[in-house]
PDB file of N, CA and C in Angstrom:
ATOM      1  N   MET A   1     162.472-189.339  82.561  1.00  0.00           N
ATOM      2  CA  MET A   1     162.547-189.475  81.119  1.00  0.00           C
ATOM      3  C   MET A   1     163.495-188.408  80.564  1.00  0.00           C
ATOM      4  N   TYR A   2     164.263-188.795  79.598  1.00  0.00           N
ATOM      5  CA  TYR A   2     165.254-187.947  78.952  1.00  0.00           C
ATOM      6  C   TYR A   2     164.588-187.264  77.763  1.00  0.00           C
ATOM      7  N   LYS A   3     164.287-185.942  77.862  1.00  0.00           N
ATOM      8  CA  LYS A   3     163.543-185.255  76.803  1.00  0.00           C
ATOM      9  C   LYS A   3     164.498-184.537  75.859  1.00  0.00           C
ATOM     10  N   THR A   4     164.402-184.872  74.596  1.00  0.00           N
ATOM     11  CA  THR A   4     165.161-184.210  73.538  1.00  0.00           C
ATOM     12  C   THR A   4     164.185-183.878  72.427  1.00  0.00           C
ATOM     13  N   PRO A   5     164.560-182.983  71.510  1.00  0.00           N
ATOM     14  CA  PRO A   5     163.680-182.732  70.363  1.00  0.00           C
ATOM     15  C   PRO A   5     163.413-184.007  69.568  1.00  0.00           C
ATOM     16  N   ILE A   6     164.381-184.914  69.541  1.00  0.00           N
ATOM     17  CA  ILE A   6     164.209-186.168  68.801  1.00  0.00           C
ATOM     18  C   ILE A   6     163.166-187.045  69.486  1.00  0.00           C
ATOM     19  N   LEU A   7     163.244-187.168  70.792  1.00  0.00           N
ATOM     20  CA  LEU A   7     162.282-187.979  71.534  1.00  0.00           C
ATOM     21  C   LEU A   7     160.876-187.380  71.427  1.00  0.00           C
ATOM     22  N   LEU A   8     160.780-186.080  71.533  1.00  0.00           N
ATOM     23  CA  LEU A   8     159.480-185.419  71.387  1.00  0.00           C
ATOM     24  C   LEU A   8     158.919-185.621  69.981  1.00  0.00           C
ATOM     25  N   TYR A   9     159.776-185.576  68.965  1.00  0.00           N
ATOM     26  CA  TYR A   9     159.342-185.807  67.585  1.00  0.00           C
ATOM     27  C   TYR A   9     158.797-187.227  67.413  1.00  0.00           C
ATOM     28  N   LEU A  10     159.498-188.209  67.974  1.00  0.00           N
ATOM     29  CA  LEU A  10     159.033-189.593  67.873  1.00  0.00           C
ATOM     30  C   LEU A  10     157.708-189.797  68.602  1.00  0.00           C
ATOM     31  N   LYS A  11     157.528-189.123  69.739  1.00  0.00           N
ATOM     32  CA  LYS A  11     156.255-189.235  70.464  1.00  0.00           C
ATOM     33  C   LYS A  11     155.106-188.681  69.628  1.00  0.00           C
ATOM     34  N   LYS A  12     155.357-187.598  68.912  1.00  0.00           N
ATOM     35  CA  LYS A  12     154.304-186.961  68.133  1.00  0.00           C
ATOM     36  C   LYS A  12     154.024-187.684  66.822  1.00  0.00           C
ATOM     37  N   HIS A  13     155.079-188.181  66.146  1.00  0.00           N
ATOM     38  CA  HIS A  13     154.925-188.713  64.794  1.00  0.00           C
ATOM     39  C   HIS A  13     155.052-190.228  64.688  1.00  0.00           C
ATOM     40  N   GLY A  14     155.370-190.904  65.781  1.00  0.00           N
ATOM     41  CA  GLY A  14     155.462-192.359  65.737  1.00  0.00           C
ATOM     42  C   GLY A  14     156.768-192.849  65.135  1.00  0.00           C
ATOM     43  N   GLN A  15     156.739-194.049  64.600  1.00  0.00           N
ATOM     44  CA  GLN A  15     157.929-194.706  64.070  1.00  0.00           C
ATOM     45  C   GLN A  15     158.489-193.965  62.860  1.00  0.00           C
ATOM     46  N   LYS A  16     159.781-193.631  62.915  1.00  0.00           N
ATOM     47  CA  LYS A  16     160.442-192.903  61.828  1.00  0.00           C
ATOM     48  C   LYS A  16     161.865-193.415  61.665  1.00  0.00           C
ATOM     49  N   ILE A  17     162.439-193.138  60.501  1.00  0.00           N
ATOM     50  CA  ILE A  17     163.826-193.505  60.229  1.00  0.00           C
ATOM     51  C   ILE A  17     164.716-192.295  60.483  1.00  0.00           C
ATOM     52  N   ASP A  18     165.981-192.534  60.767  1.00  0.00           N
ATOM     53  CA  ASP A  18     166.878-191.466  61.222  1.00  0.00           C
ATOM     54  C   ASP A  18     166.970-190.270  60.279  1.00  0.00           C
ATOM     55  N   TRP A  19     166.995-190.483  58.974  1.00  0.00           N
ATOM     56  CA  TRP A  19     167.126-189.330  58.076  1.00  0.00           C
ATOM     57  C   TRP A  19     165.847-188.499  58.020  1.00  0.00           C
ATOM     58  N   GLU A  20     164.703-189.115  58.272  1.00  0.00           N
ATOM     59  CA  GLU A  20     163.452-188.361  58.366  1.00  0.00           C
ATOM     60  C   GLU A  20     163.459-187.494  59.629  1.00  0.00           C
ATOM     61  N   ILE A  21     163.971-188.049  60.714  1.00  0.00           N
ATOM     62  CA  ILE A  21     164.063-187.302  61.967  1.00  0.00           C
ATOM     63  C   ILE A  21     165.010-186.118  61.803  1.00  0.00           C
ATOM     64  N   ALA A  22     166.159-186.354  61.166  1.00  0.00           N
ATOM     65  CA  ALA A  22     167.152-185.292  60.957  1.00  0.00           C
ATOM     66  C   ALA A  22     166.569-184.153  60.132  1.00  0.00           C
ATOM     67  N   ALA A  23     165.857-184.493  59.069  1.00  0.00           N
ATOM     68  CA  ALA A  23     165.274-183.460  58.203  1.00  0.00           C
ATOM     69  C   ALA A  23     164.191-182.672  58.933  1.00  0.00           C
ATOM     70  N   ALA A  24     163.366-183.360  59.711  1.00  0.00           N
ATOM     71  CA  ALA A  24     162.246-182.702  60.389  1.00  0.00           C
ATOM     72  C   ALA A  24     162.687-181.837  61.566  1.00  0.00           C
ATOM     73  N   THR A  25     163.746-182.255  62.264  1.00  0.00           N
ATOM     74  CA  THR A  25     164.180-181.525  63.455  1.00  0.00           C
ATOM     75  C   THR A  25     165.323-180.557  63.164  1.00  0.00           C
ATOM     76  N   ASP A  26     165.843-180.586  61.946  1.00  0.00           N
ATOM     77  CA  ASP A  26     166.960-179.726  61.538  1.00  0.00           C
ATOM     78  C   ASP A  26     168.203-179.972  62.394  1.00  0.00           C
ATOM     79  N   ILE A  27     168.436-181.258  62.704  1.00  0.00           N
ATOM     80  CA  ILE A  27     169.613-181.696  63.457  1.00  0.00           C
ATOM     81  C   ILE A  27     170.439-182.557  62.501  1.00  0.00           C
ATOM     82  N   SER A  28     171.758-182.454  62.575  1.00  0.00           N
ATOM     83  CA  SER A  28     172.608-183.229  61.665  1.00  0.00           C
ATOM     84  C   SER A  28     172.374-184.727  61.869  1.00  0.00           C
ATOM     85  N   ILE A  29     172.552-185.479  60.785  1.00  0.00           N
ATOM     86  CA  ILE A  29     172.322-186.922  60.849  1.00  0.00           C
ATOM     87  C   ILE A  29     173.259-187.591  61.852  1.00  0.00           C
ATOM     88  N   THR A  30     174.481-187.087  61.984  1.00  0.00           N
ATOM     89  CA  THR A  30     175.428-187.643  62.951  1.00  0.00           C
ATOM     90  C   THR A  30     174.921-187.454  64.373  1.00  0.00           C
ATOM     91  N   ASN A  31     174.436-186.256  64.682  1.00  0.00           N
ATOM     92  CA  ASN A  31     173.896-185.994  66.028  1.00  0.00           C
ATOM     93  C   ASN A  31     172.631-186.799  66.287  1.00  0.00           C
ATOM     94  N   VAL A  32     171.794-186.954  65.266  1.00  0.00           N
ATOM     95  CA  VAL A  32     170.576-187.756  65.415  1.00  0.00           C
ATOM     96  C   VAL A  32     170.945-189.197  65.739  1.00  0.00           C
ATOM     97  N   ARG A  33     171.886-189.761  64.995  1.00  0.00           N
ATOM     98  CA  ARG A  33     172.282-191.157  65.231  1.00  0.00           C
ATOM     99  C   ARG A  33     172.913-191.342  66.608  1.00  0.00           C
ATOM    100  N   ASN A  34     173.745-190.401  67.032  1.00  0.00           N
ATOM    101  CA  ASN A  34     174.345-190.487  68.369  1.00  0.00           C
ATOM    102  C   ASN A  34     173.276-190.415  69.456  1.00  0.00           C
ATOM    103  N   THR A  35     172.326-189.508  69.299  1.00  0.00           N
ATOM    104  CA  THR A  35     171.250-189.366  70.281  1.00  0.00           C
ATOM    105  C   THR A  35     170.369-190.613  70.301  1.00  0.00           C
ATOM    106  N   LEU A  36     170.066-191.166  69.129  1.00  0.00           N
ATOM    107  CA  LEU A  36     169.249-192.380  69.068  1.00  0.00           C
ATOM    108  C   LEU A  36     169.956-193.551  69.742  1.00  0.00           C
ATOM    109  N   THR A  37     171.260-193.645  69.564  1.00  0.00           N
ATOM    110  CA  THR A  37     172.034-194.698  70.227  1.00  0.00           C
ATOM    111  C   THR A  37     171.956-194.545  71.743  1.00  0.00           C
ATOM    112  N   ASN A  38     172.110-193.317  72.230  1.00  0.00           N
ATOM    113  CA  ASN A  38     172.024-193.061  73.674  1.00  0.00           C
ATOM    114  C   ASN A  38     170.624-193.342  74.217  1.00  0.00           C
ATOM    115  N   LEU A  39     169.597-192.909  73.493  1.00  0.00           N
ATOM    116  CA  LEU A  39     168.218-193.158  73.930  1.00  0.00           C
ATOM    117  C   LEU A  39     167.912-194.652  73.962  1.00  0.00           C
ATOM    118  N   SER A  40     168.476-195.393  73.017  1.00  0.00           N
ATOM    119  CA  SER A  40     168.286-196.841  72.997  1.00  0.00           C
ATOM    120  C   SER A  40     168.947-197.493  74.205  1.00  0.00           C
ATOM    121  N   LYS A  41     170.152-197.039  74.545  1.00  0.00           N
ATOM    122  CA  LYS A  41     170.852-197.572  75.720  1.00  0.00           C
ATOM    123  C   LYS A  41     170.086-197.290  77.007  1.00  0.00           C
ATOM    124  N   LEU A  42     169.390-196.140  77.065  1.00  0.00           N
ATOM    125  CA  LEU A  42     168.595-195.776  78.233  1.00  0.00           C
ATOM    126  C   LEU A  42     167.246-196.494  78.273  1.00  0.00           C
ATOM    127  N   GLY A  43     166.890-197.175  77.176  1.00  0.00           N
ATOM    128  CA  GLY A  43     165.624-197.891  77.109  1.00  0.00           C
ATOM    129  C   GLY A  43     164.440-197.006  76.755  1.00  0.00           C
ATOM    130  N   GLU A  44     164.702-195.786  76.274  1.00  0.00           N
ATOM    131  CA  GLU A  44     163.629-194.862  75.913  1.00  0.00           C
ATOM    132  C   GLU A  44     163.015-195.191  74.555  1.00  0.00           C
ATOM    133  N   ILE A  45     163.826-195.747  73.635  1.00  0.00           N
ATOM    134  CA  ILE A  45     163.337-196.062  72.296  1.00  0.00           C
ATOM    135  C   ILE A  45     163.720-197.485  71.920  1.00  0.00           C
ATOM    136  N   SER A  46     163.023-198.015  70.930  1.00  0.00           N
ATOM    137  CA  SER A  46     163.393-199.265  70.278  1.00  0.00           C
ATOM    138  C   SER A  46     163.927-198.884  68.910  1.00  0.00           C
ATOM    139  N   ARG A  47     165.003-199.515  68.491  1.00  0.00           N
ATOM    140  CA  ARG A  47     165.568-199.187  67.186  1.00  0.00           C
ATOM    141  C   ARG A  47     166.087-200.444  66.520  1.00  0.00           C
ATOM    142  N   CYS A  48     166.130-200.404  65.204  1.00  0.00           N
ATOM    143  CA  CYS A  48     166.728-201.482  64.435  1.00  0.00           C
ATOM    144  C   CYS A  48     167.358-200.878  63.189  1.00  0.00           C
ATOM    145  N   ILE A  49     168.334-201.569  62.658  1.00  0.00           N
ATOM    146  CA  ILE A  49     168.995-201.126  61.443  1.00  0.00           C
ATOM    147  C   ILE A  49     168.214-201.693  60.265  1.00  0.00           C
ATOM    148  N   VAL A  50     167.853-200.838  59.323  1.00  0.00           N
ATOM    149  CA  VAL A  50     167.100-201.259  58.145  1.00  0.00           C
ATOM    150  C   VAL A  50     167.834-200.811  56.888  1.00  0.00           C
ATOM    151  N   THR A  51     167.560-201.512  55.802  1.00  0.00           N
ATOM    152  CA  THR A  51     168.086-201.121  54.502  1.00  0.00           C
ATOM    153  C   THR A  51     166.897-200.839  53.602  1.00  0.00           C
ATOM    154  N   ARG A  52     166.866-199.638  53.077  1.00  0.00           N
ATOM    155  CA  ARG A  52     165.830-199.253  52.113  1.00  0.00           C
ATOM    156  C   ARG A  52     166.526-198.957  50.798  1.00  0.00           C
ATOM    157  N   PHE A  53     165.791-199.044  49.721  1.00  0.00           N
ATOM    158  CA  PHE A  53     166.380-198.808  48.413  1.00  0.00           C
ATOM    159  C   PHE A  53     165.842-197.518  47.823  1.00  0.00           C
ATOM    160  N   SER A  54     166.754-196.650  47.421  1.00  0.00           N
ATOM    161  CA  SER A  54     166.411-195.383  46.797  1.00  0.00           C
ATOM    162  C   SER A  54     167.047-195.364  45.409  1.00  0.00           C
ATOM    163  N   ASP A  55     166.224-195.369  44.373  1.00  0.00           N
ATOM    164  CA  ASP A  55     166.707-195.436  42.988  1.00  0.00           C
ATOM    165  C   ASP A  55     167.601-196.648  42.771  1.00  0.00           C
ATOM    166  N   GLY A  56     167.263-197.762  43.377  1.00  0.00           N
ATOM    167  CA  GLY A  56     168.017-198.998  43.206  1.00  0.00           C
ATOM    168  C   GLY A  56     169.267-199.103  44.053  1.00  0.00           C
ATOM    169  N   LYS A  57     169.585-198.081  44.848  1.00  0.00           N
ATOM    170  CA  LYS A  57     170.782-198.103  45.687  1.00  0.00           C
ATOM    171  C   LYS A  57     170.372-198.346  47.139  1.00  0.00           C
ATOM    172  N   PRO A  58     171.068-199.270  47.831  1.00  0.00           N
ATOM    173  CA  PRO A  58     170.732-199.517  49.235  1.00  0.00           C
ATOM    174  C   PRO A  58     171.174-198.362  50.125  1.00  0.00           C
ATOM    175  N   VAL A  59     170.291-197.975  51.040  1.00  0.00           N
ATOM    176  CA  VAL A  59     170.582-196.919  52.010  1.00  0.00           C
ATOM    177  C   VAL A  59     170.241-197.471  53.388  1.00  0.00           C
ATOM    178  N   GLU A  60     171.240-197.509  54.277  1.00  0.00           N
ATOM    179  CA  GLU A  60     171.007-198.016  55.627  1.00  0.00           C
ATOM    180  C   GLU A  60     170.612-196.885  56.565  1.00  0.00           C
ATOM    181  N   GLY A  61     169.773-197.206  57.528  1.00  0.00           N
ATOM    182  CA  GLY A  61     169.358-196.229  58.520  1.00  0.00           C
ATOM    183  C   GLY A  61     168.832-196.923  59.757  1.00  0.00           C
ATOM    184  N   MET A  62     168.518-196.120  60.785  1.00  0.00           N
ATOM    185  CA  MET A  62     167.960-196.639  62.028  1.00  0.00           C
ATOM    186  C   MET A  62     166.479-196.328  62.064  1.00  0.00           C
ATOM    187  N   LEU A  63     165.673-197.347  62.155  1.00  0.00           N
ATOM    188  CA  LEU A  63     164.234-197.185  62.300  1.00  0.00           C
ATOM    189  C   LEU A  63     163.929-197.189  63.793  1.00  0.00           C
ATOM    190  N   CYS A  64     163.263-196.135  64.283  1.00  0.00           N
ATOM    191  CA  CYS A  64     163.083-195.958  65.725  1.00  0.00           C
ATOM    192  C   CYS A  64     161.635-195.663  66.080  1.00  0.00           C
ATOM    193  N   ARG A  65     161.279-196.046  67.304  1.00  0.00           N
ATOM    194  CA  ARG A  65     159.982-195.698  67.879  1.00  0.00           C
ATOM    195  C   ARG A  65     160.131-195.677  69.387  1.00  0.00           C
ATOM    196  N   ILE A  66     159.182-195.069  70.060  1.00  0.00           N
ATOM    197  CA  ILE A  66     159.189-195.018  71.517  1.00  0.00           C
ATOM    198  C   ILE A  66     159.089-196.449  72.048  1.00  0.00           C
ATOM    199  N   ALA A  67     159.891-196.784  73.037  1.00  0.00           N
ATOM    200  CA  ALA A  67     159.882-198.130  73.611  1.00  0.00           C
ATOM    201  C   ALA A  67     158.508-198.444  74.192  1.00  0.00           C
ATOM    202  N   GLY A  68     158.045-199.659  73.927  1.00  0.00           N
ATOM    203  CA  GLY A  68     156.776-200.111  74.473  1.00  0.00           C
ATOM    204  C   GLY A  68     155.569-199.784  73.626  1.00  0.00           C
ATOM    205  N   THR A  69     155.768-199.101  72.495  1.00  0.00           N
ATOM    206  CA  THR A  69     154.632-198.803  71.615  1.00  0.00           C
ATOM    207  C   THR A  69     154.609-199.805  70.469  1.00  0.00           C
ATOM    208  N   ILE A  70     153.432-200.034  69.954  1.00  0.00           N
ATOM    209  CA  ILE A  70     153.264-200.943  68.821  1.00  0.00           C
ATOM    210  C   ILE A  70     152.719-200.129  67.658  1.00  0.00           C
ATOM    211  N   PRO A  71     153.394-200.191  66.494  1.00  0.00           N
ATOM    212  CA  PRO A  71     152.891-199.440  65.344  1.00  0.00           C
ATOM    213  C   PRO A  71     151.520-199.957  64.925  1.00  0.00           C
ATOM    214  N   PRO A  72     150.684-199.089  64.325  1.00  0.00           N
ATOM    215  CA  PRO A  72     149.370-199.542  63.882  1.00  0.00           C
ATOM    216  C   PRO A  72     149.492-200.604  62.791  1.00  0.00           C
ATOM    217  N   GLN A  73     148.500-201.484  62.741  1.00  0.00           N
ATOM    218  CA  GLN A  73     148.499-202.554  61.756  1.00  0.00           C
ATOM    219  C   GLN A  73     148.348-201.976  60.354  1.00  0.00           C
ATOM    220  N   ALA A  74     149.093-202.521  59.416  1.00  0.00           N
ATOM    221  CA  ALA A  74     149.026-202.061  58.029  1.00  0.00           C
ATOM    222  C   ALA A  74     147.667-202.424  57.429  1.00  0.00           C
ATOM    223  N   PRO A  75     147.159-201.577  56.529  1.00  0.00           N
ATOM    224  CA  PRO A  75     145.869-201.881  55.907  1.00  0.00           C
ATOM    225  C   PRO A  75     145.991-203.064  54.955  1.00  0.00           C
ATOM    226  N   GLY A  76     144.858-203.665  54.651  1.00  0.00           N
ATOM    227  CA  GLY A  76     144.833-204.764  53.692  1.00  0.00           C
ATOM    228  C   GLY A  76     144.530-206.101  54.355  1.00  0.00           C
ATOM    229  N   ARG A  77     144.408-207.116  53.537  1.00  0.00           N
ATOM    230  CA  ARG A  77     144.096-208.453  54.029  1.00  0.00           C
ATOM    231  C   ARG A  77     145.287-209.025  54.766  1.00  0.00           C
ATOM    232  N   LYS A  78     144.996-209.833  55.748  1.00  0.00           N
ATOM    233  CA  LYS A  78     146.032-210.480  56.557  1.00  0.00           C
ATOM    234  C   LYS A  78     145.982-211.973  56.323  1.00  0.00           C
ATOM    235  N   PRO A  79     147.146-212.631  56.288  1.00  0.00           N
ATOM    236  CA  PRO A  79     147.148-214.088  56.083  1.00  0.00           C
ATOM    237  C   PRO A  79     146.497-214.801  57.258  1.00  0.00           C
ATOM    238  N   GLY A  80     145.763-215.844  56.954  1.00  0.00           N
ATOM    239  CA  GLY A  80     145.145-216.650  57.992  1.00  0.00           C
ATOM    240  C   GLY A  80     143.827-216.110  58.507  1.00  0.00           C
ATOM    241  N   VAL A  81     143.387-214.963  58.020  1.00  0.00           N
ATOM    242  CA  VAL A  81     142.108-214.398  58.446  1.00  0.00           C
ATOM    243  C   VAL A  81     141.077-214.732  57.379  1.00  0.00           C
ATOM    244  N   PRO A  82     140.014-215.434  57.760  1.00  0.00           N
ATOM    245  CA  PRO A  82     139.011-215.807  56.750  1.00  0.00           C
ATOM    246  C   PRO A  82     138.277-214.570  56.210  1.00  0.00           C
ATOM    247  N   VAL A  83     138.028-214.596  54.920  1.00  0.00           N
ATOM    248  CA  VAL A  83     137.293-213.506  54.276  1.00  0.00           C
ATOM    249  C   VAL A  83     135.805-213.783  54.436  1.00  0.00           C
ATOM    250  N   THR A  84     135.047-212.803  54.919  1.00  0.00           N
ATOM    251  CA  THR A  84     133.607-212.993  55.128  1.00  0.00           C
ATOM    252  C   THR A  84     132.808-212.225  54.115  1.00  0.00           C
TER     253      THR A  84
END
C-alpha cells in the first residue's frame, strides 16, 4: 500500500472532497489533486469529479474515498421502504 498523508487522512475521515483534504493536511490543492490522480491509478482510492455550488457559483472538485469502502447510508426515509 502506498502511504501518504492524504491516504491516511481519507482512512481516518472517510469520503472527502479535494479542497477539504488540502485544507486539513496543509498540502497545496495542486499537489493534492496530483496525488489523488496517482492513488486512483494505483487502485488505492475511488474518485469522481463533482460540482458543488458555493454562493451560487459552481466549484468543481474530486470527491474521494478509500477503494472498496461504502459510505454510510444517509439519514431519513428511503424510497420504497414501507413506513411502519
